[in-house]
C-alpha atoms as a PDB file:
ATOM      1  CA  GLN A   1     -38.387 126.002  25.450  1.00  0.00           C
ATOM      2  CA  VAL A   2     -40.205 129.335  25.303  1.00  0.00           C
ATOM      3  CA  GLN A   3     -43.103 130.667  27.305  1.00  0.00           C
ATOM      4  CA  LEU A   4     -44.870 134.024  27.399  1.00  0.00           C
ATOM      5  CA  VAL A   5     -45.933 135.457  30.739  1.00  0.00           C
ATOM      6  CA  GLU A   6     -48.600 138.170  30.790  1.00  0.00           C
ATOM      7  CA  SER A   7     -49.706 140.592  33.469  1.00  0.00           C
ATOM      8  CA  GLY A   8     -51.709 143.776  33.895  1.00  0.00           C
ATOM      9  CA  GLY A   9     -55.261 142.688  33.233  1.00  0.00           C
ATOM     10  CA  GLY A  10     -58.111 143.502  35.544  1.00  0.00           C
ATOM     11  CA  LEU A  11     -61.298 145.449  36.059  1.00  0.00           C
ATOM     12  CA  VAL A  12     -61.421 149.122  35.153  1.00  0.00           C
ATOM     13  CA  GLN A  13     -64.092 151.771  34.755  1.00  0.00           C
ATOM     14  CA  ALA A  14     -64.926 153.096  31.300  1.00  0.00           C
ATOM     15  CA  GLY A  15     -62.528 155.872  30.386  1.00  0.00           C
ATOM     16  CA  GLY A  16     -59.765 154.425  32.508  1.00  0.00           C
ATOM     17  CA  SER A  17     -56.437 152.892  31.572  1.00  0.00           C
ATOM     18  CA  LEU A  18     -54.561 149.627  31.879  1.00  0.00           C
ATOM     19  CA  ARG A  19     -51.094 148.549  30.831  1.00  0.00           C
ATOM     20  CA  LEU A  20     -50.523 144.962  29.778  1.00  0.00           C
ATOM     21  CA  SER A  21     -47.073 143.397  29.862  1.00  0.00           C
ATOM     22  CA  CYS A  22     -45.713 140.267  28.239  1.00  0.00           C
ATOM     23  CA  ALA A  23     -42.253 138.813  28.722  1.00  0.00           C
ATOM     24  CA  ALA A  24     -40.784 135.915  26.790  1.00  0.00           C
ATOM     25  CA  SER A  25     -38.480 133.528  28.589  1.00  0.00           C
ATOM     26  CA  GLY A  26     -36.982 130.180  27.836  1.00  0.00           C
ATOM     27  CA  THR A  27     -34.500 127.478  28.592  1.00  0.00           C
ATOM     28  CA  GLY A  28     -32.044 125.703  26.383  1.00  0.00           C
ATOM     29  CA  ARG A  29     -30.536 127.284  23.311  1.00  0.00           C
ATOM     30  CA  PRO A  30     -30.838 131.034  22.747  1.00  0.00           C
ATOM     31  CA  PHE A  31     -33.719 132.385  20.705  1.00  0.00           C
ATOM     32  CA  SER A  32     -34.747 135.606  19.001  1.00  0.00           C
ATOM     33  CA  ILE A  33     -38.157 137.153  18.336  1.00  0.00           C
ATOM     34  CA  ASN A  34     -39.161 138.812  15.090  1.00  0.00           C
ATOM     35  CA  ARG A  35     -42.534 140.245  16.072  1.00  0.00           C
ATOM     36  CA  MET A  36     -44.657 140.482  19.181  1.00  0.00           C
ATOM     37  CA  GLY A  37     -48.285 141.411  19.384  1.00  0.00           C
ATOM     38  CA  TRP A  38     -51.568 141.335  21.215  1.00  0.00           C
ATOM     39  CA  TYR A  39     -54.786 139.592  20.262  1.00  0.00           C
ATOM     40  CA  ARG A  40     -58.097 139.612  22.048  1.00  0.00           C
ATOM     41  CA  GLN A  41     -61.162 137.431  22.123  1.00  0.00           C
ATOM     42  CA  ALA A  42     -64.475 138.574  23.528  1.00  0.00           C
ATOM     43  CA  LEU A  43     -67.033 136.063  24.731  1.00  0.00           C
ATOM     44  CA  GLY A  44     -68.812 134.544  21.763  1.00  0.00           C
ATOM     45  CA  LYS A  45     -66.612 136.316  19.211  1.00  0.00           C
ATOM     46  CA  GLN A  46     -63.612 135.413  17.080  1.00  0.00           C
ATOM     47  CA  ARG A  47     -60.089 136.270  18.139  1.00  0.00           C
ATOM     48  CA  GLU A  48     -58.800 139.444  16.515  1.00  0.00           C
ATOM     49  CA  LEU A  49     -55.450 141.138  16.175  1.00  0.00           C
ATOM     50  CA  VAL A  50     -55.222 144.241  18.343  1.00  0.00           C
ATOM     51  CA  ALA A  51     -51.673 145.457  17.770  1.00  0.00           C
ATOM     52  CA  VAL A  52     -48.342 144.165  16.536  1.00  0.00           C
ATOM     53  CA  ILE A  53     -44.789 145.494  16.647  1.00  0.00           C
ATOM     54  CA  SER A  54     -41.772 144.305  14.702  1.00  0.00           C
ATOM     55  CA  SER A  55     -38.215 144.016  15.957  1.00  0.00           C
ATOM     56  CA  GLY A  56     -37.524 147.246  14.064  1.00  0.00           C
ATOM     57  CA  GLY A  57     -40.328 149.138  15.792  1.00  0.00           C
ATOM     58  CA  SER A  58     -42.938 149.158  13.043  1.00  0.00           C
ATOM     59  CA  THR A  59     -46.471 148.973  14.470  1.00  0.00           C
ATOM     60  CA  ASN A  60     -49.970 148.208  13.286  1.00  0.00           C
ATOM     61  CA  TYR A  61     -53.355 148.419  15.030  1.00  0.00           C
ATOM     62  CA  VAL A  62     -56.889 147.314  14.493  1.00  0.00           C
ATOM     63  CA  ASP A  63     -58.993 150.352  13.556  1.00  0.00           C
ATOM     64  CA  SER A  64     -61.130 150.227  16.686  1.00  0.00           C
ATOM     65  CA  VAL A  65     -58.179 150.955  19.007  1.00  0.00           C
ATOM     66  CA  LYS A  66     -56.206 153.467  16.958  1.00  0.00           C
ATOM     67  CA  GLY A  67     -55.509 156.594  18.958  1.00  0.00           C
ATOM     68  CA  ARG A  68     -56.300 154.859  22.250  1.00  0.00           C
ATOM     69  CA  PHE A  69     -53.871 151.923  22.471  1.00  0.00           C
ATOM     70  CA  THR A  70     -50.092 151.961  22.095  1.00  0.00           C
ATOM     71  CA  ILE A  71     -47.866 148.925  21.669  1.00  0.00           C
ATOM     72  CA  SER A  72     -44.195 149.186  22.584  1.00  0.00           C
ATOM     73  CA  ARG A  73     -41.086 147.150  23.365  1.00  0.00           C
ATOM     74  CA  ASP A  74     -38.293 147.940  25.779  1.00  0.00           C
ATOM     75  CA  ASN A  75     -36.275 145.006  24.439  1.00  0.00           C
ATOM     76  CA  VAL A  76     -36.809 142.268  21.899  1.00  0.00           C
ATOM     77  CA  ARG A  77     -38.390 139.937  24.449  1.00  0.00           C
ATOM     78  CA  THR A  78     -40.805 142.237  26.261  1.00  0.00           C
ATOM     79  CA  VAL A  79     -43.891 143.919  24.861  1.00  0.00           C
ATOM     80  CA  TYR A  80     -46.438 146.283  26.401  1.00  0.00           C
ATOM     81  CA  LEU A  81     -49.909 147.428  25.496  1.00  0.00           C
ATOM     82  CA  GLN A  82     -50.928 150.762  26.973  1.00  0.00           C
ATOM     83  CA  MET A  83     -54.706 151.000  26.836  1.00  0.00           C
ATOM     84  CA  ASN A  84     -56.292 154.401  27.400  1.00  0.00           C
ATOM     85  CA  SER A  85     -59.873 155.632  27.161  1.00  0.00           C
ATOM     86  CA  LEU A  86     -61.119 152.103  27.644  1.00  0.00           C
ATOM     87  CA  LYS A  87     -64.621 151.230  26.542  1.00  0.00           C
ATOM     88  CA  PRO A  88     -66.895 148.347  27.538  1.00  0.00           C
ATOM     89  CA  GLU A  89     -66.430 146.953  24.020  1.00  0.00           C
ATOM     90  CA  ASP A  90     -62.751 146.419  24.867  1.00  0.00           C
ATOM     91  CA  THR A  91     -63.740 143.726  27.358  1.00  0.00           C
ATOM     92  CA  ALA A  92     -62.041 140.495  26.304  1.00  0.00           C
ATOM     93  CA  VAL A  93     -59.311 138.034  27.074  1.00  0.00           C
ATOM     94  CA  TYR A  94     -56.067 139.480  25.750  1.00  0.00           C
ATOM     95  CA  TYR A  95     -53.345 137.155  24.462  1.00  0.00           C
ATOM     96  CA  CYS A  96     -49.689 137.900  23.872  1.00  0.00           C
ATOM     97  CA  ASN A  97     -48.114 136.474  20.728  1.00  0.00           C
ATOM     98  CA  ALA A  98     -44.515 136.102  19.612  1.00  0.00           C
ATOM     99  CA  GLU A  99     -43.056 134.999  16.293  1.00  0.00           C
ATOM    100  CA  ILE A 100     -39.846 133.062  16.826  1.00  0.00           C
ATOM    101  CA  PRO A 101     -37.519 131.747  14.117  1.00  0.00           C
ATOM    102  CA  ARG A 102     -36.107 128.326  14.865  1.00  0.00           C
ATOM    103  CA  ASP A 103     -34.556 125.645  12.642  1.00  0.00           C
ATOM    104  CA  LEU A 104     -35.276 127.726   9.526  1.00  0.00           C
ATOM    105  CA  ARG A 105     -38.986 127.894  10.374  1.00  0.00           C
ATOM    106  CA  LEU A 106     -41.239 130.429  12.095  1.00  0.00           C
ATOM    107  CA  TYR A 107     -43.206 129.436  15.180  1.00  0.00           C
ATOM    108  CA  ALA A 108     -45.997 131.261  16.941  1.00  0.00           C
ATOM    109  CA  TYR A 109     -46.051 131.244  20.740  1.00  0.00           C
ATOM    110  CA  TRP A 110     -48.966 132.366  22.871  1.00  0.00           C
ATOM    111  CA  GLY A 111     -49.451 133.570  26.396  1.00  0.00           C
ATOM    112  CA  GLN A 112     -52.099 132.141  28.680  1.00  0.00           C
ATOM    113  CA  GLY A 113     -54.373 135.155  28.291  1.00  0.00           C
ATOM    114  CA  THR A 114     -55.331 137.881  30.727  1.00  0.00           C
ATOM    115  CA  GLN A 115     -58.860 139.139  31.322  1.00  0.00           C
ATOM    116  CA  VAL A 116     -59.662 142.802  30.757  1.00  0.00           C
ATOM    117  CA  THR A 117     -63.088 143.923  31.917  1.00  0.00           C
ATOM    118  CA  VAL A 118     -64.333 147.474  31.391  1.00  0.00           C
ATOM    119  CA  SER A 119     -67.407 148.520  33.331  1.00  0.00           C
ATOM    120  CA  SER A 120     -69.863 151.101  32.053  1.00  0.00           C
END
């Protein structure tokens, strides 16, 4: 089975930086990951895609974080989100996501979420 473990959330002052990490691990048969990404959900708002990266390194970002956030992978099972110039509007629970092919189907796995709070 597969689980995603996140770290790096916390409280930071506006203009500061945080780096989120997410590592996929599992037991049983080997698995691969096509894409990994980050979503966030602010209190009272819908969950939104923040950034995604493919196994080939292609990336995409929501407009509000372009130029400030960078998604990267150091292997196919670990993803990072470097967040610079943080704003109070970035405050949300951030969730790691992984797309895993298994038995000729694609499955989405989610981390438990990590809180990011940006003070003004």
